[in-house]
Amino acid sequence: MYAVVRTGGKQYKVAKDSVLKVESLVGDVGSKLDLEVLMLGGDKPKIGAPLVKGASVQCEIVEHGQGEKVIAFKKKRRKNTHRKRGHRQHFTTVKVLGITAGKE
């Protein structure tokens, strides 16, 4: 069984014991949380409108971190003008502990 979950404005396809990097979430390392389920797949798929009622995905926070630095460099030719900015996106690594389908 797999599920499509929504967090941080993005959608992820997850299965039991999968590990994924998502947008930064609130919580301590080792704490548990539930994610919104948009679709359940498998033998009998269920599609939510927009969420599947009673379904949930239990996750555990593994770590918090920052991604690689991305440089945004803008330049206007012949004007002696440029701007350089760096950015490191925060992320949270979560491990999926289980998927519950809820009531039929």
PDB file of N, CA and C in Angstrom:
ATOM      1  N   MET A   1       0.842  -1.176   0.000  1.00  0.00           N
ATOM      2  CA  MET A   1       0.000   0.000   0.000  1.00  0.00           C
ATOM      3  C   MET A   1       0.887   1.240   0.000  1.00  0.00           C
ATOM      4  N   TYR A   2       0.450   2.254  -0.744  1.00  0.00           N
ATOM      5  CA  TYR A   2       1.157   3.525  -0.751  1.00  0.00           C
ATOM      6  C   TYR A   2       0.146   4.648  -0.594  1.00  0.00           C
ATOM      7  N   ALA A   3       0.644   5.843  -0.336  1.00  0.00           N
ATOM      8  CA  ALA A   3      -0.226   6.998  -0.162  1.00  0.00           C
ATOM      9  C   ALA A   3       0.429   8.217  -0.789  1.00  0.00           C
ATOM     10  N   VAL A   4      -0.403   9.157  -1.184  1.00  0.00           N
ATOM     11  CA  VAL A   4       0.077  10.453  -1.651  1.00  0.00           C
ATOM     12  C   VAL A   4      -0.295  11.453  -0.569  1.00  0.00           C
ATOM     13  N   VAL A   5       0.727  12.111   0.008  1.00  0.00           N
ATOM     14  CA  VAL A   5       0.512  13.047   1.106  1.00  0.00           C
ATOM     15  C   VAL A   5       0.873  14.454   0.674  1.00  0.00           C
ATOM     16  N   ARG A   6       0.342  15.431   1.415  1.00  0.00           N
ATOM     17  CA  ARG A   6       0.610  16.833   1.130  1.00  0.00           C
ATOM     18  C   ARG A   6       1.231  17.474   2.366  1.00  0.00           C
ATOM     19  N   THR A   7       2.373  18.127   2.177  1.00  0.00           N
ATOM     20  CA  THR A   7       3.002  18.893   3.242  1.00  0.00           C
ATOM     21  C   THR A   7       3.908  19.940   2.614  1.00  0.00           C
ATOM     22  N   GLY A   8       3.884  21.117   3.168  1.00  0.00           N
ATOM     23  CA  GLY A   8       4.737  22.190   2.665  1.00  0.00           C
ATOM     24  C   GLY A   8       4.383  22.644   1.263  1.00  0.00           C
ATOM     25  N   GLY A   9       3.127  22.460   0.841  1.00  0.00           N
ATOM     26  CA  GLY A   9       2.709  22.876  -0.487  1.00  0.00           C
ATOM     27  C   GLY A   9       3.129  21.926  -1.591  1.00  0.00           C
ATOM     28  N   LYS A  10       3.681  20.776  -1.237  1.00  0.00           N
ATOM     29  CA  LYS A  10       4.119  19.794  -2.226  1.00  0.00           C
ATOM     30  C   LYS A  10       3.451  18.456  -1.940  1.00  0.00           C
ATOM     31  N   GLN A  11       3.458  17.577  -2.928  1.00  0.00           N
ATOM     32  CA  GLN A  11       2.871  16.247  -2.775  1.00  0.00           C
ATOM     33  C   GLN A  11       3.966  15.198  -2.907  1.00  0.00           C
ATOM     34  N   TYR A  12       3.871  14.158  -2.086  1.00  0.00           N
ATOM     35  CA  TYR A  12       4.870  13.095  -2.070  1.00  0.00           C
ATOM     36  C   TYR A  12       4.171  11.745  -2.079  1.00  0.00           C
ATOM     37  N   LYS A  13       4.725  10.793  -2.832  1.00  0.00           N
ATOM     38  CA  LYS A  13       4.243   9.417  -2.815  1.00  0.00           C
ATOM     39  C   LYS A  13       5.091   8.665  -1.794  1.00  0.00           C
ATOM     40  N   VAL A  14       4.447   8.079  -0.776  1.00  0.00           N
ATOM     41  CA  VAL A  14       5.171   7.426   0.303  1.00  0.00           C
ATOM     42  C   VAL A  14       4.657   6.003   0.508  1.00  0.00           C
ATOM     43  N   ALA A  15       5.512   5.184   1.048  1.00  0.00           N
ATOM     44  CA  ALA A  15       5.160   3.826   1.458  1.00  0.00           C
ATOM     45  C   ALA A  15       5.748   3.606   2.853  1.00  0.00           C
ATOM     46  N   LYS A  16       5.402   2.504   3.476  1.00  0.00           N
ATOM     47  CA  LYS A  16       5.903   2.214   4.813  1.00  0.00           C
ATOM     48  C   LYS A  16       7.429   2.112   4.785  1.00  0.00           C
ATOM     49  N   ASP A  17       8.074   2.654   5.802  1.00  0.00           N
ATOM     50  CA  ASP A  17       9.531   2.663   5.987  1.00  0.00           C
ATOM     51  C   ASP A  17      10.274   3.536   4.979  1.00  0.00           C
ATOM     52  N   SER A  18       9.577   4.371   4.207  1.00  0.00           N
ATOM     53  CA  SER A  18      10.286   5.263   3.297  1.00  0.00           C
ATOM     54  C   SER A  18      10.742   6.509   4.059  1.00  0.00           C
ATOM     55  N   VAL A  19      11.860   7.073   3.622  1.00  0.00           N
ATOM     56  CA  VAL A  19      12.444   8.268   4.231  1.00  0.00           C
ATOM     57  C   VAL A  19      12.440   9.370   3.186  1.00  0.00           C
ATOM     58  N   LEU A  20      11.949  10.553   3.557  1.00  0.00           N
ATOM     59  CA  LEU A  20      11.898  11.634   2.583  1.00  0.00           C
ATOM     60  C   LEU A  20      12.223  12.965   3.240  1.00  0.00           C
ATOM     61  N   LYS A  21      12.716  13.902   2.419  1.00  0.00           N
ATOM     62  CA  LYS A  21      13.015  15.263   2.855  1.00  0.00           C
ATOM     63  C   LYS A  21      11.853  16.152   2.462  1.00  0.00           C
ATOM     64  N   VAL A  22      11.283  16.854   3.440  1.00  0.00           N
ATOM     65  CA  VAL A  22      10.155  17.749   3.193  1.00  0.00           C
ATOM     66  C   VAL A  22      10.520  19.144   3.690  1.00  0.00           C
ATOM     67  N   GLU A  23       9.663  20.121   3.372  1.00  0.00           N
ATOM     68  CA  GLU A  23       9.855  21.472   3.892  1.00  0.00           C
ATOM     69  C   GLU A  23       9.895  21.409   5.415  1.00  0.00           C
ATOM     70  N   SER A  24      10.534  22.372   6.013  1.00  0.00           N
ATOM     71  CA  SER A  24      10.758  22.383   7.454  1.00  0.00           C
ATOM     72  C   SER A  24       9.445  22.262   8.237  1.00  0.00           C
ATOM     73  N   LEU A  25       9.406  21.320   9.189  1.00  0.00           N
ATOM     74  CA  LEU A  25       8.240  21.083  10.032  1.00  0.00           C
ATOM     75  C   LEU A  25       8.580  21.397  11.482  1.00  0.00           C
ATOM     76  N   VAL A  26       7.560  21.740  12.262  1.00  0.00           N
ATOM     77  CA  VAL A  26       7.753  22.042  13.669  1.00  0.00           C
ATOM     78  C   VAL A  26       7.737  20.738  14.456  1.00  0.00           C
ATOM     79  N   GLY A  27       8.711  20.559  15.330  1.00  0.00           N
ATOM     80  CA  GLY A  27       8.770  19.370  16.168  1.00  0.00           C
ATOM     81  C   GLY A  27      10.204  18.992  16.469  1.00  0.00           C
ATOM     82  N   ASP A  28      10.377  18.248  17.543  1.00  0.00           N
ATOM     83  CA  ASP A  28      11.701  17.794  17.935  1.00  0.00           C
ATOM     84  C   ASP A  28      12.044  16.487  17.225  1.00  0.00           C
ATOM     85  N   VAL A  29      13.337  16.189  17.156  1.00  0.00           N
ATOM     86  CA  VAL A  29      13.786  14.928  16.572  1.00  0.00           C
ATOM     87  C   VAL A  29      13.257  13.783  17.432  1.00  0.00           C
ATOM     88  N   GLY A  30      12.649  12.807  16.780  1.00  0.00           N
ATOM     89  CA  GLY A  30      12.068  11.668  17.482  1.00  0.00           C
ATOM     90  C   GLY A  30      10.579  11.806  17.741  1.00  0.00           C
ATOM     91  N   SER A  31      10.021  12.995  17.546  1.00  0.00           N
ATOM     92  CA  SER A  31       8.586  13.163  17.769  1.00  0.00           C
ATOM     93  C   SER A  31       7.796  12.631  16.583  1.00  0.00           C
ATOM     94  N   LYS A  32       6.558  12.279  16.836  1.00  0.00           N
ATOM     95  CA  LYS A  32       5.695  11.692  15.815  1.00  0.00           C
ATOM     96  C   LYS A  32       4.726  12.745  15.299  1.00  0.00           C
ATOM     97  N   LEU A  33       4.292  12.600  14.044  1.00  0.00           N
ATOM     98  CA  LEU A  33       3.312  13.505  13.464  1.00  0.00           C
ATOM     99  C   LEU A  33       2.512  12.776  12.396  1.00  0.00           C
ATOM    100  N   ASP A  34       1.354  13.346  12.053  1.00  0.00           N
ATOM    101  CA  ASP A  34       0.487  12.793  11.015  1.00  0.00           C
ATOM    102  C   ASP A  34       0.460  13.739   9.831  1.00  0.00           C
ATOM    103  N   LEU A  35       0.417  13.177   8.626  1.00  0.00           N
ATOM    104  CA  LEU A  35       0.375  13.973   7.404  1.00  0.00           C
ATOM    105  C   LEU A  35      -0.986  13.819   6.728  1.00  0.00           C
ATOM    106  N   GLU A  36      -1.374  14.843   5.948  1.00  0.00           N
ATOM    107  CA  GLU A  36      -2.642  14.826   5.225  1.00  0.00           C
ATOM    108  C   GLU A  36      -2.557  13.851   4.046  1.00  0.00           C
ATOM    109  N   VAL A  37      -3.570  13.012   3.876  1.00  0.00           N
ATOM    110  CA  VAL A  37      -3.577  12.004   2.818  1.00  0.00           C
ATOM    111  C   VAL A  37      -4.514  12.455   1.697  1.00  0.00           C
ATOM    112  N   LEU A  38      -3.974  12.574   0.486  1.00  0.00           N
ATOM    113  CA  LEU A  38      -4.764  12.947  -0.680  1.00  0.00           C
ATOM    114  C   LEU A  38      -5.274  11.731  -1.431  1.00  0.00           C
ATOM    115  N   MET A  39      -4.500  10.637  -1.387  1.00  0.00           N
ATOM    116  CA  MET A  39      -4.884   9.434  -2.114  1.00  0.00           C
ATOM    117  C   MET A  39      -4.256   8.214  -1.471  1.00  0.00           C
ATOM    118  N   LEU A  40      -4.992   7.124  -1.450  1.00  0.00           N
ATOM    119  CA  LEU A  40      -4.467   5.832  -1.011  1.00  0.00           C
ATOM    120  C   LEU A  40      -4.424   4.913  -2.224  1.00  0.00           C
ATOM    121  N   GLY A  41      -3.305   4.252  -2.433  1.00  0.00           N
ATOM    122  CA  GLY A  41      -3.169   3.350  -3.562  1.00  0.00           C
ATOM    123  C   GLY A  41      -2.988   1.923  -3.094  1.00  0.00           C
ATOM    124  N   GLY A  42      -3.098   1.012  -4.017  1.00  0.00           N
ATOM    125  CA  GLY A  42      -2.964  -0.400  -3.707  1.00  0.00           C
ATOM    126  C   GLY A  42      -3.984  -1.190  -4.482  1.00  0.00           C
ATOM    127  N   ASP A  43      -4.552  -2.241  -3.850  1.00  0.00           N
ATOM    128  CA  ASP A  43      -5.558  -3.068  -4.515  1.00  0.00           C
ATOM    129  C   ASP A  43      -6.850  -2.291  -4.769  1.00  0.00           C
ATOM    130  N   LYS A  44      -7.277  -1.536  -3.762  1.00  0.00           N
ATOM    131  CA  LYS A  44      -8.493  -0.717  -3.894  1.00  0.00           C
ATOM    132  C   LYS A  44      -8.121   0.744  -3.647  1.00  0.00           C
ATOM    133  N   PRO A  45      -7.787   1.488  -4.696  1.00  0.00           N
ATOM    134  CA  PRO A  45      -7.376   2.880  -4.475  1.00  0.00           C
ATOM    135  C   PRO A  45      -8.548   3.765  -4.041  1.00  0.00           C
ATOM    136  N   LYS A  46      -8.219   4.749  -3.192  1.00  0.00           N
ATOM    137  CA  LYS A  46      -9.199   5.734  -2.729  1.00  0.00           C
ATOM    138  C   LYS A  46      -8.647   7.112  -3.046  1.00  0.00           C
ATOM    139  N   ILE A  47      -9.470   7.949  -3.646  1.00  0.00           N
ATOM    140  CA  ILE A  47      -9.066   9.303  -3.970  1.00  0.00           C
ATOM    141  C   ILE A  47      -9.914  10.250  -3.133  1.00  0.00           C
ATOM    142  N   GLY A  48      -9.268  11.173  -2.450  1.00  0.00           N
ATOM    143  CA  GLY A  48      -9.967  12.119  -1.600  1.00  0.00           C
ATOM    144  C   GLY A  48     -10.447  13.326  -2.367  1.00  0.00           C
ATOM    145  N   ALA A  49     -11.320  14.104  -1.707  1.00  0.00           N
ATOM    146  CA  ALA A  49     -11.824  15.314  -2.335  1.00  0.00           C
ATOM    147  C   ALA A  49     -11.842  16.442  -1.316  1.00  0.00           C
ATOM    148  N   PRO A  50     -10.777  17.077  -0.931  1.00  0.00           N
ATOM    149  CA  PRO A  50      -9.399  16.842  -1.327  1.00  0.00           C
ATOM    150  C   PRO A  50      -8.677  15.809  -0.458  1.00  0.00           C
ATOM    151  N   LEU A  51      -9.183  15.517   0.758  1.00  0.00           N
ATOM    152  CA  LEU A  51      -8.512  14.554   1.640  1.00  0.00           C
ATOM    153  C   LEU A  51      -9.346  13.291   1.783  1.00  0.00           C
ATOM    154  N   VAL A  52      -8.669  12.161   2.034  1.00  0.00           N
ATOM    155  CA  VAL A  52      -9.349  10.894   2.291  1.00  0.00           C
ATOM    156  C   VAL A  52      -9.755  10.888   3.763  1.00  0.00           C
ATOM    157  N   LYS A  53     -11.055  10.717   4.027  1.00  0.00           N
ATOM    158  CA  LYS A  53     -11.557  10.770   5.406  1.00  0.00           C
ATOM    159  C   LYS A  53     -11.071   9.563   6.196  1.00  0.00           C
ATOM    160  N   GLY A  54     -10.571   9.831   7.386  1.00  0.00           N
ATOM    161  CA  GLY A  54     -10.138   8.767   8.281  1.00  0.00           C
ATOM    162  C   GLY A  54      -8.761   8.205   7.984  1.00  0.00           C
ATOM    163  N   ALA A  55      -8.151   8.590   6.877  1.00  0.00           N
ATOM    164  CA  ALA A  55      -6.833   8.069   6.526  1.00  0.00           C
ATOM    165  C   ALA A  55      -5.751   8.977   7.100  1.00  0.00           C
ATOM    166  N   SER A  56      -4.643   8.365   7.489  1.00  0.00           N
ATOM    167  CA  SER A  56      -3.521   9.152   7.990  1.00  0.00           C
ATOM    168  C   SER A  56      -2.222   8.395   7.749  1.00  0.00           C
ATOM    169  N   VAL A  57      -1.147   9.159   7.706  1.00  0.00           N
ATOM    170  CA  VAL A  57       0.195   8.601   7.572  1.00  0.00           C
ATOM    171  C   VAL A  57       0.977   9.037   8.797  1.00  0.00           C
ATOM    172  N   GLN A  58       1.459   8.060   9.569  1.00  0.00           N
ATOM    173  CA  GLN A  58       2.217   8.364  10.771  1.00  0.00           C
ATOM    174  C   GLN A  58       3.698   8.438  10.418  1.00  0.00           C
ATOM    175  N   CYS A  59       4.341   9.532  10.842  1.00  0.00           N
ATOM    176  CA  CYS A  59       5.754   9.750  10.535  1.00  0.00           C
ATOM    177  C   CYS A  59       6.513  10.078  11.808  1.00  0.00           C
ATOM    178  N   GLU A  60       7.822   9.869  11.746  1.00  0.00           N
ATOM    179  CA  GLU A  60       8.712  10.238  12.834  1.00  0.00           C
ATOM    180  C   GLU A  60       9.775  11.170  12.275  1.00  0.00           C
ATOM    181  N   ILE A  61      10.056  12.260  12.988  1.00  0.00           N
ATOM    182  CA  ILE A  61      11.075  13.205  12.546  1.00  0.00           C
ATOM    183  C   ILE A  61      12.446  12.613  12.833  1.00  0.00           C
ATOM    184  N   VAL A  62      13.266  12.492  11.773  1.00  0.00           N
ATOM    185  CA  VAL A  62      14.598  11.906  11.904  1.00  0.00           C
ATOM    186  C   VAL A  62      15.635  12.995  12.147  1.00  0.00           C
ATOM    187  N   GLU A  63      15.572  14.100  11.372  1.00  0.00           N
ATOM    188  CA  GLU A  63      16.535  15.185  11.556  1.00  0.00           C
ATOM    189  C   GLU A  63      16.024  16.467  10.913  1.00  0.00           C
ATOM    190  N   HIS A  64      16.613  17.565  11.341  1.00  0.00           N
ATOM    191  CA  HIS A  64      16.402  18.870  10.736  1.00  0.00           C
ATOM    192  C   HIS A  64      17.731  19.281  10.109  1.00  0.00           C
ATOM    193  N   GLY A  65      17.678  20.049   9.004  1.00  0.00           N
ATOM    194  CA  GLY A  65      18.918  20.474   8.388  1.00  0.00           C
ATOM    195  C   GLY A  65      18.707  21.583   7.382  1.00  0.00           C
ATOM    196  N   GLN A  66      19.784  21.903   6.692  1.00  0.00           N
ATOM    197  CA  GLN A  66      19.758  22.899   5.637  1.00  0.00           C
ATOM    198  C   GLN A  66      20.324  22.280   4.375  1.00  0.00           C
ATOM    199  N   GLY A  67      19.757  22.668   3.239  1.00  0.00           N
ATOM    200  CA  GLY A  67      20.217  22.153   1.958  1.00  0.00           C
ATOM    201  C   GLY A  67      21.488  22.848   1.500  1.00  0.00           C
ATOM    202  N   GLU A  68      21.904  22.516   0.294  1.00  0.00           N
ATOM    203  CA  GLU A  68      23.085  23.135  -0.293  1.00  0.00           C
ATOM    204  C   GLU A  68      22.810  24.601  -0.598  1.00  0.00           C
ATOM    205  N   LYS A  69      23.865  25.406  -0.614  1.00  0.00           N
ATOM    206  CA  LYS A  69      23.707  26.825  -0.896  1.00  0.00           C
ATOM    207  C   LYS A  69      23.426  27.037  -2.380  1.00  0.00           C
ATOM    208  N   VAL A  70      22.427  27.881  -2.651  1.00  0.00           N
ATOM    209  CA  VAL A  70      22.065  28.256  -4.007  1.00  0.00           C
ATOM    210  C   VAL A  70      22.402  29.733  -4.168  1.00  0.00           C
ATOM    211  N   ILE A  71      23.133  30.070  -5.226  1.00  0.00           N
ATOM    212  CA  ILE A  71      23.537  31.446  -5.471  1.00  0.00           C
ATOM    213  C   ILE A  71      22.624  32.070  -6.523  1.00  0.00           C
ATOM    214  N   ALA A  72      22.062  33.238  -6.199  1.00  0.00           N
ATOM    215  CA  ALA A  72      21.266  34.008  -7.164  1.00  0.00           C
ATOM    216  C   ALA A  72      22.100  35.227  -7.540  1.00  0.00           C
ATOM    217  N   PHE A  73      22.589  35.256  -8.776  1.00  0.00           N
ATOM    218  CA  PHE A  73      23.449  36.342  -9.239  1.00  0.00           C
ATOM    219  C   PHE A  73      22.746  37.064 -10.379  1.00  0.00           C
ATOM    220  N   LYS A  74      22.512  38.345 -10.190  1.00  0.00           N
ATOM    221  CA  LYS A  74      21.862  39.152 -11.220  1.00  0.00           C
ATOM    222  C   LYS A  74      22.828  40.233 -11.668  1.00  0.00           C
ATOM    223  N   LYS A  75      22.877  40.476 -12.980  1.00  0.00           N
ATOM    224  CA  LYS A  75      23.820  41.443 -13.528  1.00  0.00           C
ATOM    225  C   LYS A  75      23.154  42.191 -14.666  1.00  0.00           C
ATOM    226  N   LYS A  76      23.414  43.486 -14.719  1.00  0.00           N
ATOM    227  CA  LYS A  76      22.967  44.296 -15.844  1.00  0.00           C
ATOM    228  C   LYS A  76      24.204  44.721 -16.611  1.00  0.00           C
ATOM    229  N   ARG A  77      24.250  44.359 -17.856  1.00  0.00           N
ATOM    230  CA  ARG A  77      25.449  44.618 -18.633  1.00  0.00           C
ATOM    231  C   ARG A  77      25.631  46.111 -18.891  1.00  0.00           C
ATOM    232  N   ARG A  78      26.871  46.507 -18.955  1.00  0.00           N
ATOM    233  CA  ARG A  78      27.307  47.877 -19.229  1.00  0.00           C
ATOM    234  C   ARG A  78      26.804  48.895 -18.215  1.00  0.00           C
ATOM    235  N   LYS A  79      26.318  48.460 -17.061  1.00  0.00           N
ATOM    236  CA  LYS A  79      25.831  49.398 -16.048  1.00  0.00           C
ATOM    237  C   LYS A  79      26.670  49.341 -14.770  1.00  0.00           C
ATOM    238  N   ASN A  80      27.621  48.429 -14.719  1.00  0.00           N
ATOM    239  CA  ASN A  80      28.448  48.219 -13.526  1.00  0.00           C
ATOM    240  C   ASN A  80      27.553  47.912 -12.311  1.00  0.00           C
ATOM    241  N   THR A  81      26.514  47.085 -12.539  1.00  0.00           N
ATOM    242  CA  THR A  81      25.558  46.746 -11.502  1.00  0.00           C
ATOM    243  C   THR A  81      25.409  45.232 -11.423  1.00  0.00           C
ATOM    244  N   HIS A  82      25.533  44.715 -10.219  1.00  0.00           N
ATOM    245  CA  HIS A  82      25.276  43.292 -10.011  1.00  0.00           C
ATOM    246  C   HIS A  82      24.831  43.072  -8.567  1.00  0.00           C
ATOM    247  N   ARG A  83      24.173  41.933  -8.348  1.00  0.00           N
ATOM    248  CA  ARG A  83      23.693  41.584  -7.022  1.00  0.00           C
ATOM    249  C   ARG A  83      23.891  40.087  -6.824  1.00  0.00           C
ATOM    250  N   LYS A  84      24.469  39.725  -5.705  1.00  0.00           N
ATOM    251  CA  LYS A  84      24.720  38.313  -5.405  1.00  0.00           C
ATOM    252  C   LYS A  84      24.078  37.984  -4.065  1.00  0.00           C
ATOM    253  N   ARG A  85      23.204  36.985  -4.070  1.00  0.00           N
ATOM    254  CA  ARG A  85      22.525  36.554  -2.853  1.00  0.00           C
ATOM    255  C   ARG A  85      22.655  35.034  -2.742  1.00  0.00           C
ATOM    256  N   GLY A  86      22.793  34.561  -1.535  1.00  0.00           N
ATOM    257  CA  GLY A  86      22.832  33.125  -1.296  1.00  0.00           C
ATOM    258  C   GLY A  86      21.628  32.691  -0.476  1.00  0.00           C
ATOM    259  N   HIS A  87      21.268  31.419  -0.598  1.00  0.00           N
ATOM    260  CA  HIS A  87      20.123  30.891   0.140  1.00  0.00           C
ATOM    261  C   HIS A  87      20.356  29.416   0.451  1.00  0.00           C
ATOM    262  N   ARG A  88      20.030  29.025   1.683  1.00  0.00           N
ATOM    263  CA  ARG A  88      20.048  27.615   2.078  1.00  0.00           C
ATOM    264  C   ARG A  88      18.684  27.276   2.640  1.00  0.00           C
ATOM    265  N   GLN A  89      17.972  26.379   1.956  1.00  0.00           N
ATOM    266  CA  GLN A  89      16.611  26.015   2.341  1.00  0.00           C
ATOM    267  C   GLN A  89      16.633  25.063   3.532  1.00  0.00           C
ATOM    268  N   HIS A  90      15.782  25.315   4.519  1.00  0.00           N
ATOM    269  CA  HIS A  90      15.637  24.417   5.666  1.00  0.00           C
ATOM    270  C   HIS A  90      14.770  23.229   5.268  1.00  0.00           C
ATOM    271  N   PHE A  91      15.098  22.052   5.787  1.00  0.00           N
ATOM    272  CA  PHE A  91      14.307  20.862   5.505  1.00  0.00           C
ATOM    273  C   PHE A  91      14.209  19.998   6.752  1.00  0.00           C
ATOM    274  N   THR A  92      13.267  19.062   6.714  1.00  0.00           N
ATOM    275  CA  THR A  92      13.095  18.075   7.771  1.00  0.00           C
ATOM    276  C   THR A  92      13.062  16.701   7.117  1.00  0.00           C
ATOM    277  N   THR A  93      13.829  15.767   7.636  1.00  0.00           N
ATOM    278  CA  THR A  93      13.806  14.394   7.143  1.00  0.00           C
ATOM    279  C   THR A  93      12.858  13.592   8.029  1.00  0.00           C
ATOM    280  N   VAL A  94      11.881  12.926   7.390  1.00  0.00           N
ATOM    281  CA  VAL A  94      10.907  12.134   8.136  1.00  0.00           C
ATOM    282  C   VAL A  94      10.924  10.691   7.635  1.00  0.00           C
ATOM    283  N   LYS A  95      10.605   9.769   8.543  1.00  0.00           N
ATOM    284  CA  LYS A  95      10.485   8.351   8.198  1.00  0.00           C
ATOM    285  C   LYS A  95       9.034   7.944   8.409  1.00  0.00           C
ATOM    286  N   VAL A  96       8.457   7.280   7.408  1.00  0.00           N
ATOM    287  CA  VAL A  96       7.062   6.849   7.475  1.00  0.00           C
ATOM    288  C   VAL A  96       6.988   5.569   8.304  1.00  0.00           C
ATOM    289  N   LEU A  97       6.192   5.622   9.375  1.00  0.00           N
ATOM    290  CA  LEU A  97       6.048   4.467  10.257  1.00  0.00           C
ATOM    291  C   LEU A  97       4.895   3.571   9.831  1.00  0.00           C
ATOM    292  N   GLY A  98       3.827   4.172   9.295  1.00  0.00           N
ATOM    293  CA  GLY A  98       2.681   3.363   8.894  1.00  0.00           C
ATOM    294  C   GLY A  98       1.626   4.183   8.194  1.00  0.00           C
ATOM    295  N   ILE A  99       0.750   3.476   7.484  1.00  0.00           N
ATOM    296  CA  ILE A  99      -0.358   4.100   6.753  1.00  0.00           C
ATOM    297  C   ILE A  99      -1.640   3.440   7.221  1.00  0.00           C
ATOM    298  N   THR A 100      -2.592   4.258   7.674  1.00  0.00           N
ATOM    299  CA  THR A 100      -3.892   3.715   8.067  1.00  0.00           C
ATOM    300  C   THR A 100      -4.945   4.227   7.104  1.00  0.00           C
ATOM    301  N   ALA A 101      -5.791   3.305   6.643  1.00  0.00           N
ATOM    302  CA  ALA A 101      -6.794   3.643   5.630  1.00  0.00           C
ATOM    303  C   ALA A 101      -8.069   4.187   6.248  1.00  0.00           C
ATOM    304  N   GLY A 102      -8.297   3.955   7.515  1.00  0.00           N
ATOM    305  CA  GLY A 102      -9.541   4.395   8.127  1.00  0.00           C
ATOM    306  C   GLY A 102     -10.677   3.444   7.808  1.00  0.00           C
ATOM    307  N   LYS A 103     -11.912   3.922   7.962  1.00  0.00           N
ATOM    308  CA  LYS A 103     -13.080   3.077   7.711  1.00  0.00           C
ATOM    309  C   LYS A 103     -13.431   3.091   6.253  1.00  0.00           C
ATOM    310  N   GLU A 104     -13.991   1.998   5.780  1.00  0.00           N
ATOM    311  CA  GLU A 104     -14.376   1.862   4.366  1.00  0.00           C
ATOM    312  C   GLU A 104     -15.571   2.707   4.046  1.00  0.00           C
TER     313      GLU A 104
END
